[in-house]
């Protein structure tokens, strides 16, 4: 996996041919892909500048984004998306920057509240732009391999069901779309994620010699668990019993 990590840190050094074929899931996936698959269509059409000209191109892009873990997507449209530079206190400075200088595509998702209109999914838009930037300099096979690997790496932690009311724990999102995601083997820290829908930060508090409490800062959700639950996978398993 060292070479794969190098690929993320320095895209120019990404050489899938250097990885053992029998143990490389990315290579296996690439070799199995057919002419009609979304990754191949996306890579080929983007590199030759014909992406938005092909039939159902929006569905092709959404299929890629879905495989990377971006859900509830509504549509993708051509256009420039601009973000705001922020001051130290979090307020907008008045200066803006282009979020998607390479892809020129904007991704929209559906609000969790049905009465609200679709809004720009900034994380998906930025991820797509980074993918478009990185595949531009690669040959077709290497580009397809890179997209597939990033789709696998970008998938967020599967939400953890906290109780019988379908309240879920989500991972705390990385600082940028290509950042490291939480995995089941990762250890629980003091702040373990975000409460779905409520969007409050969720803390893990030591409340006795034998138990911890999962507590949402926003709504007050409280779930007590044994103190020996150390990882997200152990938490998922214990709550499922």
Protein backbone atom coordinates (compact mmCIF):
# COMPACT_ATOMS: atom_id res chain seq x y z
CA UNK A 1 0.00 0.00 0.00
CA UNK A 2 3.09 2.28 0.21
CA UNK A 3 3.05 2.99 -3.52
CA UNK A 4 -0.65 3.78 -3.34
CA UNK A 5 -0.03 6.30 -0.56
CA UNK A 6 2.69 7.88 -2.67
CA UNK A 7 0.16 8.17 -5.49
CA UNK A 8 -2.12 10.25 -3.29
CA UNK A 9 0.68 12.47 -2.01
CA UNK A 10 2.38 12.90 -5.39
CA UNK A 11 0.12 11.97 -8.34
CA UNK A 12 3.04 12.00 -10.79
CA UNK A 13 4.56 9.02 -8.96
CA UNK A 14 1.46 6.86 -9.28
CA UNK A 15 2.54 3.72 -11.17
CA UNK A 16 0.00 0.88 -10.82
CA UNK A 17 2.16 -1.37 -12.97
CA UNK A 18 4.70 -1.48 -10.12
CA UNK A 19 2.23 -3.14 -7.73
CA UNK A 20 1.90 -6.96 -7.52
CA UNK A 21 -0.90 -7.94 -9.88
CA UNK A 22 -2.22 -10.81 -7.75
CA UNK A 23 -2.67 -8.60 -4.67
CA UNK A 24 -3.80 -5.36 -6.29
CA UNK A 25 -7.59 -4.90 -6.11
CA UNK A 26 -7.43 -1.75 -8.23
CA UNK A 27 -5.69 -3.59 -11.07
CA UNK A 28 -8.21 -6.46 -10.81
CA UNK A 29 -11.14 -4.03 -11.04
CA UNK A 30 -9.62 -2.19 -14.00
CA UNK A 31 -8.93 -5.38 -15.91
CA UNK A 32 -12.56 -6.47 -15.45
CA UNK A 33 -14.07 -3.25 -16.72
CA UNK A 34 -15.91 -3.32 -20.07
CA UNK A 35 -16.46 -0.66 -22.70
CA UNK A 36 -19.85 0.33 -21.30
CA UNK A 37 -18.79 0.91 -17.68
CA UNK A 38 -19.08 4.41 -16.19
CA UNK A 39 -15.40 4.77 -15.26
CA UNK A 40 -14.20 4.02 -18.79
CA UNK A 41 -16.85 6.26 -20.37
CA UNK A 42 -16.03 9.07 -17.94
CA UNK A 43 -12.26 8.87 -18.37
CA UNK A 44 -12.29 8.59 -22.16
CA UNK A 45 -14.87 11.30 -22.74
CA UNK A 46 -13.37 13.74 -20.23
CA UNK A 47 -9.87 13.36 -21.65
CA UNK A 48 -11.02 14.00 -25.22
CA UNK A 49 -13.30 16.88 -24.19
CA UNK A 50 -16.58 15.21 -25.13
CA UNK A 51 -18.02 14.39 -21.68
CA UNK A 52 -20.99 16.75 -21.80
CA UNK A 53 -21.73 15.73 -25.39
CA UNK A 54 -22.39 12.05 -24.72
CA UNK A 55 -25.88 10.71 -23.98
CA UNK A 56 -26.85 10.61 -20.28
CA UNK A 57 -23.50 12.09 -19.24
CA UNK A 58 -25.00 13.34 -15.97
CA UNK A 59 -25.90 9.77 -14.99
CA UNK A 60 -22.36 8.64 -15.82
CA UNK A 61 -20.86 11.28 -13.51
CA UNK A 62 -23.39 10.58 -10.74
CA UNK A 63 -22.57 6.86 -10.97
CA UNK A 64 -18.90 7.68 -10.34
CA UNK A 65 -19.78 9.93 -7.42
CA UNK A 66 -22.16 7.35 -5.94
CA UNK A 67 -19.41 4.73 -6.03
CA UNK A 68 -17.21 7.18 -4.09
CA UNK A 69 -19.84 7.42 -1.36
CA UNK A 70 -21.58 10.66 -2.31
CA UNK A 71 -25.30 10.02 -1.86
CA UNK A 72 -28.61 11.78 -2.40
CA UNK A 73 -27.26 13.45 -5.54
CA UNK A 74 -29.82 15.10 -7.80
CA UNK A 75 -27.96 16.35 -10.85
CA UNK A 76 -24.69 17.65 -12.29
CA UNK A 77 -24.60 20.81 -14.40
CA UNK A 78 -21.87 22.65 -16.33
CA UNK A 79 -20.79 25.90 -14.74
CA UNK A 80 -18.38 27.53 -12.33
CA UNK A 81 -18.83 27.17 -8.59
CA UNK A 82 -17.21 29.86 -6.44
CA UNK A 83 -16.29 29.61 -2.78
CA UNK A 84 -15.58 32.28 -0.20
CA UNK A 85 -12.24 32.89 1.46
CA UNK A 86 -12.79 32.94 5.21
CA UNK A 87 -11.26 35.13 7.88
CA UNK A 88 -9.85 33.69 11.12
CA UNK A 89 -13.22 34.14 12.81
CA UNK A 90 -14.95 32.14 10.07
CA UNK A 91 -16.58 35.11 8.37
CA UNK A 92 -16.30 35.67 4.60
CA UNK A 93 -13.56 38.10 3.54
CA UNK A 94 -15.40 39.15 0.38
CA UNK A 95 -12.83 37.46 -1.87
CA UNK A 96 -13.85 34.33 -3.78
CA UNK A 97 -12.12 31.48 -5.59
CA UNK A 98 -13.11 28.87 -8.16
CA UNK A 99 -14.07 25.55 -6.54
CA UNK A 100 -14.03 23.68 -9.87
CA UNK A 101 -11.42 25.22 -12.20
CA UNK A 102 -10.70 21.91 -13.98
CA UNK A 103 -14.04 20.10 -14.25
CA UNK A 104 -16.33 23.14 -14.65
CA UNK A 105 -19.08 20.88 -13.27
CA UNK A 106 -21.32 21.57 -10.28
CA UNK A 107 -22.85 18.73 -8.24
CA UNK A 108 -26.19 19.16 -6.49
CA UNK A 109 -27.64 17.01 -3.72
CA UNK A 110 -31.01 16.74 -2.03
CA UNK A 111 -31.49 18.33 1.37
CA UNK A 112 -32.37 15.86 4.16
CA UNK A 113 -35.48 17.97 4.61
CA UNK A 114 -37.83 17.21 1.71
CA UNK A 115 -39.27 20.72 1.52
CA UNK A 116 -35.91 22.30 0.68
CA UNK A 117 -34.54 22.68 -2.84
CA UNK A 118 -31.41 20.84 -4.02
CA UNK A 119 -28.20 22.61 -3.04
CA UNK A 120 -24.59 22.53 -4.19
CA UNK A 121 -22.68 19.59 -2.74
CA UNK A 122 -19.35 21.34 -2.28
CA UNK A 123 -17.46 18.20 -1.22
CA UNK A 124 -18.63 16.22 -4.25
CA UNK A 125 -17.93 19.18 -6.55
CA UNK A 126 -14.39 19.56 -5.19
CA UNK A 127 -13.73 15.80 -5.35
CA UNK A 128 -14.86 15.65 -8.97
CA UNK A 129 -12.66 18.63 -9.83
CA UNK A 130 -9.60 17.00 -8.23
CA UNK A 131 -10.28 13.79 -10.15
CA UNK A 132 -10.56 15.70 -13.43
CA UNK A 133 -7.32 17.54 -12.69
CA UNK A 134 -5.41 14.36 -11.90
CA UNK A 135 -6.59 12.18 -14.80
CA UNK A 136 -5.77 14.81 -17.41
CA UNK A 137 -2.07 13.92 -17.36
CA UNK A 138 -2.52 10.12 -17.31
CA UNK A 139 -2.99 7.52 -20.00
CA UNK A 140 -6.40 5.84 -20.18
CA UNK A 141 -5.59 2.72 -18.17
CA UNK A 142 -3.71 4.59 -15.45
CA UNK A 143 -6.50 7.18 -15.26
CA UNK A 144 -9.16 4.49 -14.86
CA UNK A 145 -7.08 2.80 -12.15
CA UNK A 146 -6.67 6.11 -10.33
CA UNK A 147 -10.42 6.90 -10.43
CA UNK A 148 -11.33 3.45 -9.12
CA UNK A 149 -8.82 3.67 -6.30
CA UNK A 150 -10.06 7.11 -5.28
CA UNK A 151 -13.66 5.85 -5.32
CA UNK A 152 -12.71 3.14 -2.84
CA UNK A 153 -10.65 5.46 -0.64
CA UNK A 154 -13.25 8.24 -0.60
CA UNK A 155 -16.15 6.13 0.65
CA UNK A 156 -17.00 7.38 4.15
CA UNK A 157 -17.45 5.22 7.21
CA UNK A 158 -20.72 3.33 7.01
CA UNK A 159 -23.09 5.11 9.42
CA UNK A 160 -23.47 3.41 12.81
CA UNK A 161 -27.04 2.89 14.04
CA UNK A 162 -27.19 4.19 17.61
CA UNK A 163 -30.68 3.22 18.76
CA UNK A 164 -34.14 1.97 17.82
CA UNK A 165 -35.13 5.46 16.60
CA UNK A 166 -32.81 5.21 13.59
CA UNK A 167 -30.43 7.83 14.95
CA UNK A 168 -27.03 7.38 13.32
CA UNK A 169 -23.43 8.30 14.00
CA UNK A 170 -21.59 9.69 10.96
CA UNK A 171 -17.85 10.11 10.63
CA UNK A 172 -16.43 13.58 11.09
CA UNK A 173 -15.65 14.63 7.50
CA UNK A 174 -12.00 15.04 6.43
CA UNK A 175 -10.59 18.53 5.98
CA UNK A 176 -10.65 18.12 2.21
CA UNK A 177 -12.40 15.74 -0.23
CA UNK A 178 -9.28 13.59 -0.69
CA UNK A 179 -8.59 13.37 3.04
CA UNK A 180 -8.39 10.18 5.12
CA UNK A 181 -11.72 8.68 6.11
CA UNK A 182 -12.54 6.86 9.33
CA UNK A 183 -12.55 3.05 9.17
CA UNK A 184 -14.00 0.36 11.46
CA UNK A 185 -10.54 -0.51 12.79
CA UNK A 186 -9.87 3.09 13.91
CA UNK A 187 -9.96 3.79 17.63
CA UNK A 188 -12.61 6.00 19.20
CA UNK A 189 -11.36 9.38 20.38
CA UNK A 190 -12.89 12.10 22.51
CA UNK A 191 -14.94 13.47 19.56
CA UNK A 192 -16.15 10.50 17.53
CA UNK A 193 -18.29 12.00 14.77
CA UNK A 194 -21.48 13.80 13.85
CA UNK A 195 -25.10 13.07 14.76
CA UNK A 196 -27.08 12.48 11.57
CA UNK A 197 -29.81 15.08 10.74
CA UNK A 198 -29.16 17.02 13.99
CA UNK A 199 -25.56 17.57 12.74
CA UNK A 200 -24.25 18.05 16.27
CA UNK A 201 -20.75 16.94 17.23
CA UNK A 202 -20.74 13.67 19.17
CA UNK A 203 -18.38 13.17 22.12
CA UNK A 204 -17.31 10.06 24.00
CA UNK A 205 -17.27 10.72 27.75
CA UNK A 206 -15.90 8.56 30.54
CA UNK A 207 -18.72 8.35 33.09
CA UNK A 208 -17.69 5.43 35.35
CA UNK A 209 -15.13 2.67 35.77
CA UNK A 210 -17.22 0.41 33.55
CA UNK A 211 -18.96 2.65 31.03
CA UNK A 212 -18.62 5.48 28.53
CA UNK A 213 -21.41 7.72 27.23
CA UNK A 214 -21.90 8.83 23.64
CA UNK A 215 -23.27 12.39 23.90
CA UNK A 216 -24.43 14.79 21.18
CA UNK A 217 -23.47 18.41 21.90
CA UNK A 218 -26.48 19.74 20.01
CA UNK A 219 -29.56 17.70 20.95
CA UNK A 220 -28.42 15.88 24.08
CA UNK A 221 -28.56 12.34 22.68
CA UNK A 222 -26.98 9.96 25.18
CA UNK A 223 -26.04 6.32 24.62
CA UNK A 224 -24.15 4.39 27.31
CA UNK A 225 -21.65 1.73 26.20
CA UNK A 226 -19.14 -0.55 27.97
CA UNK A 227 -15.73 0.98 28.57
CA UNK A 228 -13.99 -1.82 26.66
CA UNK A 229 -15.49 -0.69 23.32
CA UNK A 230 -12.39 0.77 21.69
CA UNK A 231 -12.99 0.96 17.92
CA UNK A 232 -15.77 1.98 15.53
CA UNK A 233 -16.15 -1.63 14.46
CA UNK A 234 -16.56 -2.80 18.06
CA UNK A 235 -19.11 -0.03 18.63
CA UNK A 236 -21.05 -1.05 15.54
CA UNK A 237 -21.08 -4.69 16.62
CA UNK A 238 -22.10 -3.98 20.22
CA UNK A 239 -24.95 -1.67 19.21
CA UNK A 240 -26.22 -4.26 16.72
CA UNK A 241 -26.70 -6.89 19.43
